[in-house]
C-alpha atoms as a PDB file:
ATOM      1  CA  GLN A   1      31.845  90.778 134.306  1.00  0.00           C
ATOM      2  CA  VAL A   2      32.932  87.383 134.660  1.00  0.00           C
ATOM      3  CA  GLN A   3      36.112  85.752 133.924  1.00  0.00           C
ATOM      4  CA  LEU A   4      36.648  83.594 130.656  1.00  0.00           C
ATOM      5  CA  VAL A   5      39.067  80.317 129.990  1.00  0.00           C
ATOM      6  CA  GLN A   6      39.428  79.546 126.705  1.00  0.00           C
ATOM      7  CA  SER A   7      40.563  76.291 125.673  1.00  0.00           C
ATOM      8  CA  GLY A   8      40.732  74.148 122.528  1.00  0.00           C
ATOM      9  CA  GLY A   9      42.044  75.710 119.106  1.00  0.00           C
ATOM     10  CA  GLY A  10      45.113  74.976 117.362  1.00  0.00           C
ATOM     11  CA  MET A  11      46.316  73.833 113.472  1.00  0.00           C
ATOM     12  CA  VAL A  12      43.955  71.308 111.298  1.00  0.00           C
ATOM     13  CA  ARG A  13      43.739  70.215 107.256  1.00  0.00           C
ATOM     14  CA  PRO A  14      41.040  72.217 105.591  1.00  0.00           C
ATOM     15  CA  GLY A  15      38.504  69.742 106.184  1.00  0.00           C
ATOM     16  CA  GLY A  16      38.431  69.239 109.379  1.00  0.00           C
ATOM     17  CA  SER A  17      37.118  69.721 113.051  1.00  0.00           C
ATOM     18  CA  LEU A  18      38.319  71.829 115.746  1.00  0.00           C
ATOM     19  CA  THR A  19      35.661  72.534 118.955  1.00  0.00           C
ATOM     20  CA  LEU A  20      36.492  75.828 120.840  1.00  0.00           C
ATOM     21  CA  SER A  21      35.562  75.822 124.272  1.00  0.00           C
ATOM     22  CA  CYS A  22      34.941  78.794 126.914  1.00  0.00           C
ATOM     23  CA  ALA A  23      34.442  78.154 130.638  1.00  0.00           C
ATOM     24  CA  ALA A  24      32.978  80.984 132.788  1.00  0.00           C
ATOM     25  CA  SER A  25      34.063  81.649 136.430  1.00  0.00           C
ATOM     26  CA  GLY A  26      33.029  84.281 139.308  1.00  0.00           C
ATOM     27  CA  ARG A  27      29.807  85.841 138.976  1.00  0.00           C
ATOM     28  CA  THR A  28      28.102  82.589 137.499  1.00  0.00           C
ATOM     29  CA  ASN A  29      24.806  82.460 139.345  1.00  0.00           C
ATOM     30  CA  ALA A  30      23.752  85.339 136.932  1.00  0.00           C
ATOM     31  CA  ARG A  31      22.798  84.634 133.063  1.00  0.00           C
ATOM     32  CA  TYR A  32      24.732  85.768 130.634  1.00  0.00           C
ATOM     33  CA  ALA A  33      24.251  86.021 126.953  1.00  0.00           C
ATOM     34  CA  MET A  34      27.741  84.601 124.987  1.00  0.00           C
ATOM     35  CA  ALA A  35      29.090  84.748 121.252  1.00  0.00           C
ATOM     36  CA  TRP A  36      32.398  84.060 119.687  1.00  0.00           C
ATOM     37  CA  PHE A  37      34.109  86.642 117.431  1.00  0.00           C
ATOM     38  CA  ARG A  38      37.202  85.951 115.810  1.00  0.00           C
ATOM     39  CA  GLY A  39      39.852  88.380 114.358  1.00  0.00           C
ATOM     40  CA  PRO A  40      43.254  89.352 114.533  1.00  0.00           C
ATOM     41  CA  PRO A  41      44.616  91.110 117.811  1.00  0.00           C
ATOM     42  CA  GLY A  42      44.320  94.655 118.108  1.00  0.00           C
ATOM     43  CA  ARG A  43      42.190  94.665 114.969  1.00  0.00           C
ATOM     44  CA  GLY A  44      38.075  94.700 115.284  1.00  0.00           C
ATOM     45  CA  ARG A  45      36.513  91.392 115.781  1.00  0.00           C
ATOM     46  CA  ASP A  46      33.101  89.699 113.715  1.00  0.00           C
ATOM     47  CA  ALA A  47      31.140  87.643 115.469  1.00  0.00           C
ATOM     48  CA  VAL A  48      30.734  84.651 114.517  1.00  0.00           C
ATOM     49  CA  ALA A  49      28.039  82.740 116.340  1.00  0.00           C
ATOM     50  CA  ALA A  50      26.381  84.387 119.472  1.00  0.00           C
ATOM     51  CA  ILE A  51      23.569  82.497 122.040  1.00  0.00           C
ATOM     52  CA  SER A  52      21.223  84.050 124.366  1.00  0.00           C
ATOM     53  CA  GLY A  53      20.907  83.542 127.911  1.00  0.00           C
ATOM     54  CA  SER A  54      18.326  80.707 127.642  1.00  0.00           C
ATOM     55  CA  GLY A  55      20.490  79.221 125.006  1.00  0.00           C
ATOM     56  CA  ARG A  56      17.261  78.696 122.908  1.00  0.00           C
ATOM     57  CA  ASN A  57      18.301  81.580 120.074  1.00  0.00           C
ATOM     58  CA  THR A  58      21.347  81.505 118.203  1.00  0.00           C
ATOM     59  CA  TYR A  59      22.991  83.593 115.266  1.00  0.00           C
ATOM     60  CA  TYR A  60      25.715  82.510 112.802  1.00  0.00           C
ATOM     61  CA  ALA A  61      27.558  84.293 110.481  1.00  0.00           C
ATOM     62  CA  LYS A  62      27.007  83.507 107.424  1.00  0.00           C
ATOM     63  CA  SER A  63      30.385  82.380 105.900  1.00  0.00           C
ATOM     64  CA  VAL A  64      29.836  79.977 108.940  1.00  0.00           C
ATOM     65  CA  GLN A  65      26.319  78.611 108.892  1.00  0.00           C
ATOM     66  CA  GLY A  66      25.804  74.579 108.414  1.00  0.00           C
ATOM     67  CA  ARG A  67      29.143  74.220 109.618  1.00  0.00           C
ATOM     68  CA  PHE A  68      29.762  75.889 113.170  1.00  0.00           C
ATOM     69  CA  THR A  69      27.522  74.999 116.043  1.00  0.00           C
ATOM     70  CA  ILE A  70      27.263  77.236 119.209  1.00  0.00           C
ATOM     71  CA  SER A  71      26.197  75.637 122.584  1.00  0.00           C
ATOM     72  CA  ARG A  72      26.022  75.863 125.961  1.00  0.00           C
ATOM     73  CA  ASP A  73      26.136  73.704 129.207  1.00  0.00           C
ATOM     74  CA  SER A  74      24.762  76.314 131.691  1.00  0.00           C
ATOM     75  CA  ALA A  75      24.997  73.449 134.816  1.00  0.00           C
ATOM     76  CA  ASN A  76      29.064  73.480 134.272  1.00  0.00           C
ATOM     77  CA  ASN A  77      29.091  77.201 132.764  1.00  0.00           C
ATOM     78  CA  THR A  78      30.628  76.401 129.768  1.00  0.00           C
ATOM     79  CA  MET A  79      30.023  77.283 125.637  1.00  0.00           C
ATOM     80  CA  TYR A  80      31.228  75.475 122.993  1.00  0.00           C
ATOM     81  CA  LEU A  81      31.994  76.163 119.440  1.00  0.00           C
ATOM     82  CA  GLN A  82      31.971  72.936 117.172  1.00  0.00           C
ATOM     83  CA  MET A  83      33.719  73.889 113.747  1.00  0.00           C
ATOM     84  CA  ASP A  84      33.883  71.212 110.969  1.00  0.00           C
ATOM     85  CA  SER A  85      34.544  71.449 107.215  1.00  0.00           C
ATOM     86  CA  LEU A  86      37.482  74.265 108.531  1.00  0.00           C
ATOM     87  CA  ASN A  87      39.090  76.028 105.646  1.00  0.00           C
ATOM     88  CA  SER A  88      41.805  78.601 105.239  1.00  0.00           C
ATOM     89  CA  GLU A  89      39.483  81.536 105.423  1.00  0.00           C
ATOM     90  CA  ASP A  90      38.777  80.238 109.287  1.00  0.00           C
ATOM     91  CA  THR A  91      42.398  80.648 109.835  1.00  0.00           C
ATOM     92  CA  ASP A  92      41.966  83.440 112.809  1.00  0.00           C
ATOM     93  CA  VAL A  93      42.245  84.333 116.279  1.00  0.00           C
ATOM     94  CA  TYR A  94      39.227  83.856 118.130  1.00  0.00           C
ATOM     95  CA  TYR A  95      37.581  85.222 120.679  1.00  0.00           C
ATOM     96  CA  CYS A  96      34.788  84.089 123.550  1.00  0.00           C
ATOM     97  CA  ALA A  97      32.838  87.310 124.800  1.00  0.00           C
ATOM     98  CA  ALA A  98      29.767  86.950 127.582  1.00  0.00           C
ATOM     99  CA  VAL A  99      27.020  89.839 128.683  1.00  0.00           C
ATOM    100  CA  PRO A 100      24.816  89.766 131.682  1.00  0.00           C
ATOM    101  CA  SER A 101      21.524  88.591 129.634  1.00  0.00           C
ATOM    102  CA  ASP A 102      17.721  89.772 129.139  1.00  0.00           C
ATOM    103  CA  TYR A 103      15.420  88.737 131.882  1.00  0.00           C
ATOM    104  CA  THR A 104      13.830  86.227 129.473  1.00  0.00           C
ATOM    105  CA  GLY A 105      17.458  85.274 128.260  1.00  0.00           C
ATOM    106  CA  THR A 106      15.656  86.031 125.035  1.00  0.00           C
ATOM    107  CA  TYR A 107      18.251  87.974 123.188  1.00  0.00           C
ATOM    108  CA  TYR A 108      21.878  87.575 121.402  1.00  0.00           C
ATOM    109  CA  TYR A 109      24.352  89.652 120.648  1.00  0.00           C
ATOM    110  CA  THR A 110      26.505  90.353 117.756  1.00  0.00           C
ATOM    111  CA  ARG A 111      28.251  93.848 118.069  1.00  0.00           C
ATOM    112  CA  SER A 112      31.609  93.656 120.090  1.00  0.00           C
ATOM    113  CA  TYR A 113      31.160  96.305 122.026  1.00  0.00           C
ATOM    114  CA  GLU A 114      27.751  94.679 123.479  1.00  0.00           C
ATOM    115  CA  TYR A 115      29.861  92.759 125.664  1.00  0.00           C
ATOM    116  CA  ASP A 116      32.061  93.436 128.827  1.00  0.00           C
ATOM    117  CA  SER A 117      33.692  90.242 129.212  1.00  0.00           C
ATOM    118  CA  TRP A 118      36.303  88.376 127.409  1.00  0.00           C
ATOM    119  CA  GLY A 119      38.377  85.654 126.787  1.00  0.00           C
ATOM    120  CA  VAL A 120      41.943  86.026 125.803  1.00  0.00           C
ATOM    121  CA  GLY A 121      41.484  84.554 122.243  1.00  0.00           C
ATOM    122  CA  THR A 122      42.872  81.169 120.931  1.00  0.00           C
ATOM    123  CA  GLN A 123      44.744  80.516 117.574  1.00  0.00           C
ATOM    124  CA  VAL A 124      42.957  78.611 114.964  1.00  0.00           C
ATOM    125  CA  THR A 125      45.090  78.096 111.933  1.00  0.00           C
ATOM    126  CA  VAL A 126      43.627  75.965 108.815  1.00  0.00           C
ATOM    127  CA  SER A 127      45.972  74.697 106.681  1.00  0.00           C
ATOM    128  CA  ALA A 128      47.371  71.914 104.652  1.00  0.00           C
END
């Protein structure tokens, strides 16, 4: 497992943008598949975006396609979620997650049970 420290989030008006960051520490010599989930505390979480260990393959939930961009900076062990054109339905708690990657770094994962390291969550509120 790695330790994941989230930053970013907050309140923004509809149509605005926010960037979330997730910095990994600990066993960072290994390669990890990572993802962003969202959901109310103590309830189920849905994958918003995911990225493979190599960074070559990504996934986006239909609700955020064309508005959110997931990326990673392997040199700094940090993952990002750029969120544009935010609307009220994006209001939620956002969590980053990581799991050791497959050998080729090809696969991403979209189910919460597939991840073994989690950030503590950060609130994103979209409101006028």
